[in-house]
Amino acid sequence: MITKMSAPCAASMKEAAQLINQGEVVAFPTETVYGLGADATNEEAVKKIFIAKGRPGDNPLIVHITSVDQIQTVIRGEMPVWAKKLADAYWPGPLTMIFDKGDRIPSCVTAGLDSVAVRIPSHKDARNLIDAAQKPIAAPSANLSGRPSPTTARHVFDDMNGRIPMIIDGGESDVGLESTVLDVRSLPVKVLRPGGITPKMIADIVGEVEVAGSVMRPLKEGETVLSPGMKYKHYAPEGSLVIVKGNQKKVAEAILNMYDATEGEKCILALEGNLKNYPGKNVFSLGKDPKEMAHRLFDALREMDARGVSAIFSEAVDAEGIGLAVMNRLGRAAAFHIVDAGE
């Protein structure tokens, strides 16, 4: 299969929408990461997403629409009052909400669950594609399963060339991490995957909010996968990744000791203000703060692969605000190999 990469325009959107309606898979930009989309109402088309990604069938997808008016086509029953308040505050945007699944959505989209994850993206190209196709679009991130999520069309091409017919190149993603996933079927609402919409932002709208314990650990045996990004090792570079947390001075000392004791191509991931703590070492900046780190993280992990780095040592950040999402992604990329420099 030849994979075509096209800039967003009226003609390319029309072509992409035609492919969607023909049961094909198209990669497209969103404000979070690039998505790998198919008609959410077409079971055979959705199966092509899993084939292209090499994604396990028990890992659910997110359904993308462009207005709250369309949500009744994918969910069962009415939106809870608190979900409507969240939609008013954060849709369109990087928030996914989990509802009871409507009959129009095939079970392969939801990994057999009776719930469905729904999002309204804010990226104009994503919205234009959904509107042009006139279908809800099921889409996970447009990477091979387990790899760092793609934040540019080039990342998508690296993973999907020859696997899908078309990629819409809408430039670099703004947020850089996947959406927050929030179960809103009952109160208190529960964060299953952290993202750009933080627990505090959610609490500001609906009051109490819970954060699932699985956000910072692997799922336990028999624990249900309600959201993408929960069960498997995700976002992983090809080299080993170790995260070091604690007092910054001790973190730097621990990273330097591990770096010096490691053979082969190696690199340190650090915040901009801490680069001076690693003189003479191979260091990659993750930006000045957790927000920039969120934007750069997946690109950094892919850059490590491009450089052939076999051992990566990363600073941790406080798991608060957007830092929770950063640590969730880093933790899963490292299979939760986290070292406490204070111990």
Protein backbone atom coordinates (compact mmCIF):
# COMPACT_ATOMS: atom_id res chain seq x y z
CA MET A 1 0.00 0.00 0.00
CA ILE A 2 1.22 3.50 -0.86
CA THR A 3 0.79 5.99 1.98
CA LYS A 4 0.01 9.50 0.77
CA MET A 5 0.85 12.52 2.95
CA SER A 6 -1.21 15.64 2.17
CA ALA A 7 -1.46 19.15 3.56
CA PRO A 8 -4.96 20.03 4.79
CA CYS A 9 -7.06 21.70 2.09
CA ALA A 10 -10.54 21.29 0.62
CA ALA A 11 -9.39 18.63 -1.85
CA SER A 12 -7.42 16.54 0.67
CA MET A 13 -10.25 16.71 3.21
CA LYS A 14 -12.69 15.51 0.57
CA GLU A 15 -10.37 12.64 -0.34
CA ALA A 16 -9.82 11.70 3.31
CA ALA A 17 -13.56 11.78 4.00
CA GLN A 18 -14.18 9.54 0.99
CA LEU A 19 -11.63 7.06 2.32
CA ILE A 20 -13.33 7.07 5.72
CA ASN A 21 -16.70 6.41 4.09
CA GLN A 22 -15.18 3.61 2.02
CA GLY A 23 -14.12 1.85 5.22
CA GLU A 24 -10.47 2.89 5.14
CA VAL A 25 -8.19 4.35 7.82
CA VAL A 26 -6.78 7.89 7.71
CA ALA A 27 -4.28 9.57 10.06
CA PHE A 28 -5.15 13.12 11.03
CA PRO A 29 -3.91 15.83 13.40
CA THR A 30 -5.54 16.79 16.68
CA GLU A 31 -4.46 19.26 19.34
CA THR A 32 -3.25 16.36 21.52
CA VAL A 33 -1.46 13.87 19.21
CA TYR A 34 -2.15 12.51 15.72
CA GLY A 35 -5.09 10.11 15.48
CA LEU A 36 -5.64 7.00 13.35
CA GLY A 37 -9.26 7.30 12.31
CA ALA A 38 -12.02 5.13 10.84
CA ASP A 39 -15.81 5.25 10.71
CA ALA A 40 -16.83 4.44 14.29
CA THR A 41 -20.06 2.82 13.07
CA ASN A 42 -18.30 0.43 10.66
CA GLU A 43 -16.98 -2.67 12.42
CA GLU A 44 -14.77 -3.82 9.54
CA ALA A 45 -13.23 -0.35 9.18
CA VAL A 46 -12.47 -0.17 12.91
CA LYS A 47 -10.77 -3.57 12.76
CA LYS A 48 -8.32 -2.05 10.24
CA ILE A 49 -7.16 0.39 12.95
CA PHE A 50 -6.17 -2.51 15.20
CA ILE A 51 -4.39 -4.23 12.30
CA ALA A 52 -2.47 -1.10 11.27
CA LYS A 53 -1.31 -0.42 14.82
CA GLY A 54 -0.80 -4.02 15.90
CA ARG A 55 -3.08 -3.04 18.79
CA PRO A 56 -4.60 -5.66 21.12
CA GLY A 57 -8.36 -5.95 20.68
CA ASP A 58 -9.05 -5.47 24.40
CA ASN A 59 -7.77 -1.89 24.34
CA PRO A 60 -10.73 0.50 23.68
CA LEU A 61 -10.77 3.42 21.24
CA ILE A 62 -12.07 7.00 21.54
CA VAL A 63 -14.95 8.20 19.36
CA HIS A 64 -14.52 11.73 17.98
CA ILE A 65 -17.44 14.04 17.14
CA THR A 66 -17.72 17.79 16.54
CA SER A 67 -20.69 18.91 18.65
CA VAL A 68 -22.59 17.94 21.76
CA ASP A 69 -25.68 17.62 19.55
CA GLN A 70 -24.09 14.53 17.96
CA ILE A 71 -23.44 12.71 21.21
CA GLN A 72 -26.80 10.95 21.28
CA THR A 73 -25.69 9.05 18.17
CA VAL A 74 -22.96 7.30 20.17
CA ILE A 75 -24.11 7.10 23.81
CA ARG A 76 -27.09 5.52 25.56
CA GLY A 77 -29.37 7.72 27.61
CA GLU A 78 -28.86 11.37 28.47
CA MET A 79 -25.64 13.10 29.41
CA PRO A 80 -25.49 13.56 33.18
CA VAL A 81 -25.85 17.17 34.35
CA TRP A 82 -22.24 17.25 35.56
CA ALA A 83 -21.00 15.97 32.19
CA LYS A 84 -22.86 18.78 30.45
CA LYS A 85 -21.09 21.27 32.72
CA LEU A 86 -17.72 19.74 31.82
CA ALA A 87 -18.63 19.83 28.12
CA ASP A 88 -19.55 23.50 28.40
CA ALA A 89 -16.20 24.21 30.06
CA TYR A 90 -13.74 22.03 28.13
CA TRP A 91 -15.26 20.93 24.81
CA PRO A 92 -13.92 21.29 22.19
CA GLY A 93 -10.62 20.34 23.79
CA PRO A 94 -8.37 17.63 25.22
CA LEU A 95 -11.00 15.97 27.42
CA THR A 96 -12.49 12.52 26.77
CA MET A 97 -15.57 11.47 28.74
CA ILE A 98 -16.82 7.92 29.24
CA PHE A 99 -20.57 7.25 28.95
CA ASP A 100 -22.85 4.24 28.52
CA LYS A 101 -22.46 2.95 24.95
CA GLY A 102 -25.17 3.42 22.36
CA ASP A 103 -26.23 0.60 20.03
CA ARG A 104 -24.82 2.33 16.94
CA ILE A 105 -21.23 1.79 18.09
CA PRO A 106 -19.90 -1.76 17.48
CA SER A 107 -18.34 -3.59 20.40
CA CYS A 108 -14.89 -3.69 18.76
CA VAL A 109 -14.63 0.09 19.31
CA THR A 110 -15.11 -0.34 23.05
CA ALA A 111 -13.23 -3.64 23.50
CA GLY A 112 -16.53 -5.29 24.39
CA LEU A 113 -17.32 -2.86 27.21
CA ASP A 114 -20.76 -1.35 27.74
CA SER A 115 -19.13 2.08 27.94
CA VAL A 116 -17.84 4.39 25.20
CA ALA A 117 -15.18 7.12 25.33
CA VAL A 118 -16.13 10.33 23.49
CA ARG A 119 -14.19 13.50 22.64
CA ILE A 120 -14.78 16.71 20.71
CA PRO A 121 -11.37 17.86 19.40
CA SER A 122 -10.56 21.53 18.96
CA HIS A 123 -8.10 21.13 16.08
CA LYS A 124 -9.68 22.59 12.93
CA ASP A 125 -8.35 19.85 10.63
CA ALA A 126 -9.75 17.10 12.85
CA ARG A 127 -13.11 18.85 12.99
CA ASN A 128 -13.14 19.43 9.23
CA LEU A 129 -12.47 15.74 8.58
CA ILE A 130 -15.24 14.56 10.92
CA ASP A 131 -17.68 17.03 9.39
CA ALA A 132 -16.69 16.09 5.84
CA ALA A 133 -17.12 12.37 6.56
CA GLN A 134 -20.39 13.02 8.38
CA LYS A 135 -19.57 10.10 10.65
CA PRO A 136 -18.25 9.77 14.20
CA ILE A 137 -14.60 8.76 13.88
CA ALA A 138 -12.99 6.18 16.15
CA ALA A 139 -9.31 6.95 16.61
CA PRO A 140 -6.44 5.97 18.87
CA SER A 141 -3.02 7.60 18.49
CA ALA A 142 -1.48 7.02 15.05
CA ASN A 143 1.56 5.00 16.12
CA LEU A 144 2.51 1.36 16.21
CA SER A 145 1.21 -0.14 19.44
CA GLY A 146 3.56 0.51 22.35
CA ARG A 147 5.60 3.20 20.58
CA PRO A 148 5.70 6.87 21.61
CA SER A 149 2.62 8.68 20.34
CA PRO A 150 3.10 10.84 17.21
CA THR A 151 3.05 14.62 17.48
CA THR A 152 4.01 15.28 13.84
CA ALA A 153 3.00 13.77 10.51
CA ARG A 154 6.57 12.55 10.07
CA HIS A 155 6.23 10.48 13.24
CA VAL A 156 3.08 8.93 11.77
CA PHE A 157 4.79 8.21 8.46
CA ASP A 158 7.69 6.52 10.25
CA ASP A 159 5.25 4.06 11.85
CA MET A 160 2.43 3.82 9.30
CA ASN A 161 4.07 4.00 5.88
CA GLY A 162 2.59 1.19 3.81
CA ARG A 163 -0.05 0.40 6.44
CA ILE A 164 -2.65 3.13 5.71
CA PRO A 165 -3.59 5.06 2.53
CA MET A 166 -3.39 8.66 3.79
CA ILE A 167 -1.94 11.02 6.38
CA ILE A 168 -3.15 14.60 6.75
CA ASP A 169 -0.18 16.77 7.75
CA GLY A 170 -1.52 19.48 10.04
CA GLY A 171 1.79 20.44 11.62
CA GLU A 172 2.99 19.85 15.17
CA SER A 173 0.47 18.99 17.89
CA ASP A 174 -0.15 21.73 20.44
CA VAL A 175 -0.58 19.76 23.68
CA GLY A 176 1.74 16.84 22.88
CA LEU A 177 0.04 14.31 25.20
CA GLU A 178 -3.21 12.41 24.69
CA SER A 179 -6.46 13.71 26.17
CA THR A 180 -7.55 13.36 29.76
CA VAL A 181 -9.96 10.40 30.04
CA LEU A 182 -12.69 10.89 32.63
CA ASP A 183 -15.40 8.43 33.67
CA VAL A 184 -18.50 10.58 34.16
CA ARG A 185 -21.10 7.85 34.56
CA SER A 186 -21.41 8.53 38.29
CA LEU A 187 -20.15 10.90 40.96
CA PRO A 188 -17.45 11.49 41.90
CA VAL A 189 -16.07 11.49 38.38
CA LYS A 190 -12.82 9.55 37.99
CA VAL A 191 -9.67 10.34 35.98
CA LEU A 192 -8.53 7.16 34.21
CA ARG A 193 -5.82 8.81 32.12
CA PRO A 194 -4.45 12.26 33.01
CA GLY A 195 -3.86 14.90 30.36
CA GLY A 196 -4.05 18.61 29.65
CA ILE A 197 -7.35 18.98 31.54
CA THR A 198 -6.08 18.45 35.08
CA PRO A 199 -7.93 17.06 38.12
CA LYS A 200 -8.07 20.57 39.60
CA MET A 201 -9.63 21.95 36.43
CA ILE A 202 -12.24 19.19 36.61
CA ALA A 203 -12.87 19.77 40.31
CA ASP A 204 -13.40 23.47 39.63
CA ILE A 205 -16.45 22.48 37.56
CA VAL A 206 -17.96 19.48 39.36
CA GLY A 207 -16.43 19.48 42.82
CA GLU A 208 -14.96 16.18 43.99
CA VAL A 209 -12.86 14.18 41.53
CA GLU A 210 -11.02 10.89 41.98
CA VAL A 211 -7.81 9.80 40.24
CA ALA A 212 -7.62 6.08 39.47
CA GLY A 213 -4.82 4.31 41.29
CA SER A 214 -3.76 2.75 37.99
CA VAL A 215 -2.59 6.16 36.74
CA MET A 216 0.80 5.62 38.37
CA ARG A 217 1.05 1.83 38.34
CA PRO A 218 0.38 -1.13 36.04
CA LEU A 219 -3.12 -2.62 36.15
CA LYS A 220 -3.56 -5.41 38.65
CA GLU A 221 -4.46 -8.92 37.52
CA GLY A 222 -8.11 -8.97 36.49
CA GLU A 223 -8.53 -5.19 36.65
CA THR A 224 -10.77 -3.91 33.81
CA VAL A 225 -9.32 -1.73 31.05
CA LEU A 226 -11.81 1.15 30.85
CA SER A 227 -9.60 3.58 28.94
CA PRO A 228 -6.82 3.66 26.37
CA GLY A 229 -3.37 3.92 27.92
CA MET A 230 -4.07 1.78 30.98
CA LYS A 231 -3.07 -1.84 30.49
CA TYR A 232 0.02 -2.17 28.36
CA LYS A 233 3.50 -0.74 28.33
CA HIS A 234 2.96 2.37 26.24
CA TYR A 235 4.95 5.20 24.71
CA ALA A 236 8.18 3.21 24.98
CA PRO A 237 11.44 4.03 23.21
CA GLU A 238 13.60 1.21 21.92
CA GLY A 239 16.25 1.80 24.58
CA SER A 240 15.81 1.25 28.32
CA LEU A 241 14.36 4.16 30.31
CA VAL A 242 14.88 4.87 34.00
CA ILE A 243 13.15 7.72 35.85
CA VAL A 244 14.79 9.30 38.90
CA LYS A 245 12.78 11.26 41.46
CA GLY A 246 13.59 13.17 44.65
CA ASN A 247 15.65 16.18 45.70
CA GLN A 248 17.17 17.75 42.60
CA LYS A 249 20.75 17.56 43.87
CA LYS A 250 20.37 13.88 44.72
CA VAL A 251 18.57 13.22 41.44
CA ALA A 252 21.50 14.66 39.48
CA GLU A 253 24.00 12.64 41.52
CA ALA A 254 22.05 9.41 40.98
CA ILE A 255 21.65 10.01 37.25
CA LEU A 256 25.35 10.81 36.84
CA ASN A 257 26.32 7.63 38.72
CA MET A 258 24.05 5.47 36.55
CA TYR A 259 25.17 7.26 33.39
CA ASP A 260 28.87 6.69 34.14
CA ALA A 261 28.26 3.03 34.98
CA THR A 262 26.41 2.35 31.72
CA GLU A 263 28.04 1.28 28.47
CA GLY A 264 26.84 2.18 24.97
CA GLU A 265 24.95 5.19 23.63
CA LYS A 266 23.20 6.95 26.49
CA CYS A 267 21.35 10.19 27.16
CA ILE A 268 19.88 12.24 30.01
CA LEU A 269 16.45 13.89 29.74
CA ALA A 270 16.30 16.99 31.93
CA LEU A 271 14.50 20.27 32.40
CA GLU A 272 16.24 23.29 30.87
CA GLY A 273 17.25 24.78 34.23
CA ASN A 274 18.95 21.55 35.29
CA LEU A 275 21.15 20.99 32.23
CA LYS A 276 24.08 22.57 34.05
CA ASN A 277 24.02 19.69 36.53
CA TYR A 278 25.26 17.27 33.85
CA PRO A 279 28.47 18.82 32.45
CA GLY A 280 30.10 16.93 29.61
CA LYS A 281 27.23 14.45 29.30
CA ASN A 282 24.83 13.78 26.45
CA VAL A 283 21.75 15.72 27.62
CA PHE A 284 18.42 16.48 25.92
CA SER A 285 16.28 19.39 27.14
CA LEU A 286 12.62 18.71 27.92
CA GLY A 287 11.85 22.43 28.27
CA LYS A 288 11.64 24.86 31.15
CA ASP A 289 8.63 23.40 33.02
CA PRO A 290 6.19 20.45 33.08
CA LYS A 291 3.96 22.08 30.45
CA GLU A 292 6.84 22.27 27.95
CA MET A 293 7.89 18.79 29.02
CA ALA A 294 4.43 17.49 28.09
CA HIS A 295 4.74 19.11 24.67
CA ARG A 296 8.23 17.72 24.00
CA LEU A 297 8.17 14.32 25.68
CA PHE A 298 7.07 12.03 22.83
CA ASP A 299 9.28 13.85 20.33
CA ALA A 300 12.20 13.40 22.75
CA LEU A 301 11.58 9.66 23.07
CA ARG A 302 11.43 9.29 19.29
CA GLU A 303 14.62 11.35 18.98
CA MET A 304 16.33 8.88 21.33
CA ASP A 305 15.45 6.09 18.89
CA ALA A 306 16.69 8.14 15.94
CA ARG A 307 20.03 8.61 17.73
CA GLY A 308 20.31 4.92 18.60
CA VAL A 309 20.31 5.59 22.34
CA SER A 310 20.21 2.36 24.32
CA ALA A 311 19.99 3.80 27.86
CA ILE A 312 17.93 6.85 28.86
CA PHE A 313 17.88 8.49 32.29
CA SER A 314 15.10 10.98 32.90
CA GLU A 315 14.38 13.45 35.66
CA ALA A 316 10.94 13.19 37.23
CA VAL A 317 8.60 16.12 37.89
CA ASP A 318 6.01 16.54 40.61
CA ALA A 319 2.87 14.54 39.75
CA GLU A 320 0.61 17.57 40.09
CA GLY A 321 -1.29 19.51 37.43
CA ILE A 322 0.03 18.67 33.97
CA GLY A 323 2.93 16.96 35.77
CA LEU A 324 0.61 14.07 36.60
CA ALA A 325 0.08 13.42 32.88
CA VAL A 326 3.83 13.70 32.22
CA MET A 327 4.65 11.20 34.96
CA ASN A 328 1.91 8.84 33.77
CA ARG A 329 3.39 8.75 30.26
CA LEU A 330 7.00 8.57 31.47
CA GLY A 331 6.10 5.85 33.94
CA ARG A 332 4.46 3.65 31.32
CA ALA A 333 7.29 4.31 28.85
CA ALA A 334 9.71 3.08 31.53
CA ALA A 335 7.47 0.19 32.63
CA PHE A 336 7.41 2.10 35.96
CA HIS A 337 11.16 1.71 36.52
CA ILE A 338 11.35 4.67 38.91
CA VAL A 339 14.32 5.20 41.24
CA ASP A 340 13.99 7.31 44.40
CA ALA A 341 17.27 9.20 44.74
CA GLY A 342 16.62 9.70 48.45
CA GLU A 343 16.70 6.00 49.24
